[in-house]
Amino acid sequence: MEDRNPVKRTMYENVKGRRPRGKPEKRWKDDIKEDMRHFQVTNEDVHNRRQWKARTRAAGQPAGYRA
């Protein structure tokens, strides 16, 4: 069965074609991994709600964020 969740589809999408020469462009996934490393959040923290809330609240909101 095909997953219709747009976030999952975007996360695991394979784009056909070739990248241009030079330094690869930064991907959204790379930014997420960098932020997780910076704020010391691990994949295991997702399963521990208390730990997840503590670490994500300590990180605060991104610059320029408007609710």
Protein backbone atom coordinates (compact mmCIF):
# COMPACT_ATOMS: atom_id res chain seq x y z
CA MET A 1 0.00 0.00 0.00
CA GLU A 2 1.30 3.42 -0.94
CA ASP A 3 1.81 5.93 1.89
CA ARG A 4 -0.13 9.14 1.21
CA ASN A 5 1.39 11.18 4.04
CA PRO A 6 2.98 14.21 2.28
CA VAL A 7 5.73 14.61 4.88
CA LYS A 8 6.81 10.97 4.53
CA ARG A 9 6.66 11.16 0.75
CA THR A 10 8.85 14.27 0.77
CA MET A 11 11.31 12.73 3.23
CA TYR A 12 11.87 9.60 1.16
CA GLU A 13 11.42 11.03 -2.34
CA ASN A 14 14.10 10.08 -4.87
CA VAL A 15 14.67 12.78 -7.44
CA LYS A 16 15.77 11.61 -10.86
CA GLY A 17 18.47 13.40 -12.77
CA ARG A 18 21.97 14.61 -12.06
CA ARG A 19 23.24 17.25 -9.70
CA PRO A 20 25.24 20.15 -11.10
CA ARG A 21 29.01 20.21 -10.76
CA GLY A 22 30.61 21.68 -7.67
CA LYS A 23 29.68 21.63 -4.01
CA PRO A 24 26.38 19.84 -3.38
CA GLU A 25 23.53 22.04 -2.25
CA LYS A 26 22.48 21.77 1.35
CA ARG A 27 19.37 19.65 1.76
CA TRP A 28 16.58 20.07 4.31
CA LYS A 29 17.57 16.73 5.82
CA ASP A 30 21.14 18.00 6.31
CA ASP A 31 19.83 21.02 8.23
CA ILE A 32 17.75 18.77 10.49
CA LYS A 33 20.73 16.54 11.27
CA GLU A 34 22.91 19.59 11.97
CA ASP A 35 20.29 21.06 14.34
CA MET A 36 19.90 17.73 16.14
CA ARG A 37 23.67 17.52 16.62
CA HIS A 38 23.83 21.14 17.84
CA PHE A 39 21.03 20.71 20.39
CA GLN A 40 22.16 17.18 21.34
CA VAL A 41 18.87 15.57 20.32
CA THR A 42 19.03 11.94 19.27
CA ASN A 43 16.59 9.69 17.41
CA GLU A 44 16.01 7.85 20.70
CA ASP A 45 14.77 11.08 22.34
CA VAL A 46 11.66 10.83 20.16
CA HIS A 47 10.53 7.84 22.24
CA ASN A 48 11.05 9.66 25.56
CA ARG A 49 8.49 12.48 25.62
CA ARG A 50 9.91 14.20 28.70
CA GLN A 51 13.43 14.27 27.24
CA TRP A 52 12.15 15.45 23.84
CA LYS A 53 10.16 18.34 25.34
CA ALA A 54 13.08 19.44 27.50
CA ARG A 55 15.53 19.51 24.60
CA THR A 56 13.23 21.12 22.04
CA ARG A 57 12.08 23.82 24.45
CA ALA A 58 15.70 24.57 25.36
CA ALA A 59 16.37 25.11 21.64
CA GLY A 60 13.64 27.75 21.39
CA GLN A 61 11.99 29.03 18.24
CA PRO A 62 13.91 29.64 15.02
CA ALA A 63 14.88 33.18 14.10
CA GLY A 64 12.18 34.97 12.15
CA TYR A 65 9.46 32.54 13.31
CA ARG A 66 5.95 33.97 13.43
CA ALA A 67 2.99 32.06 14.81
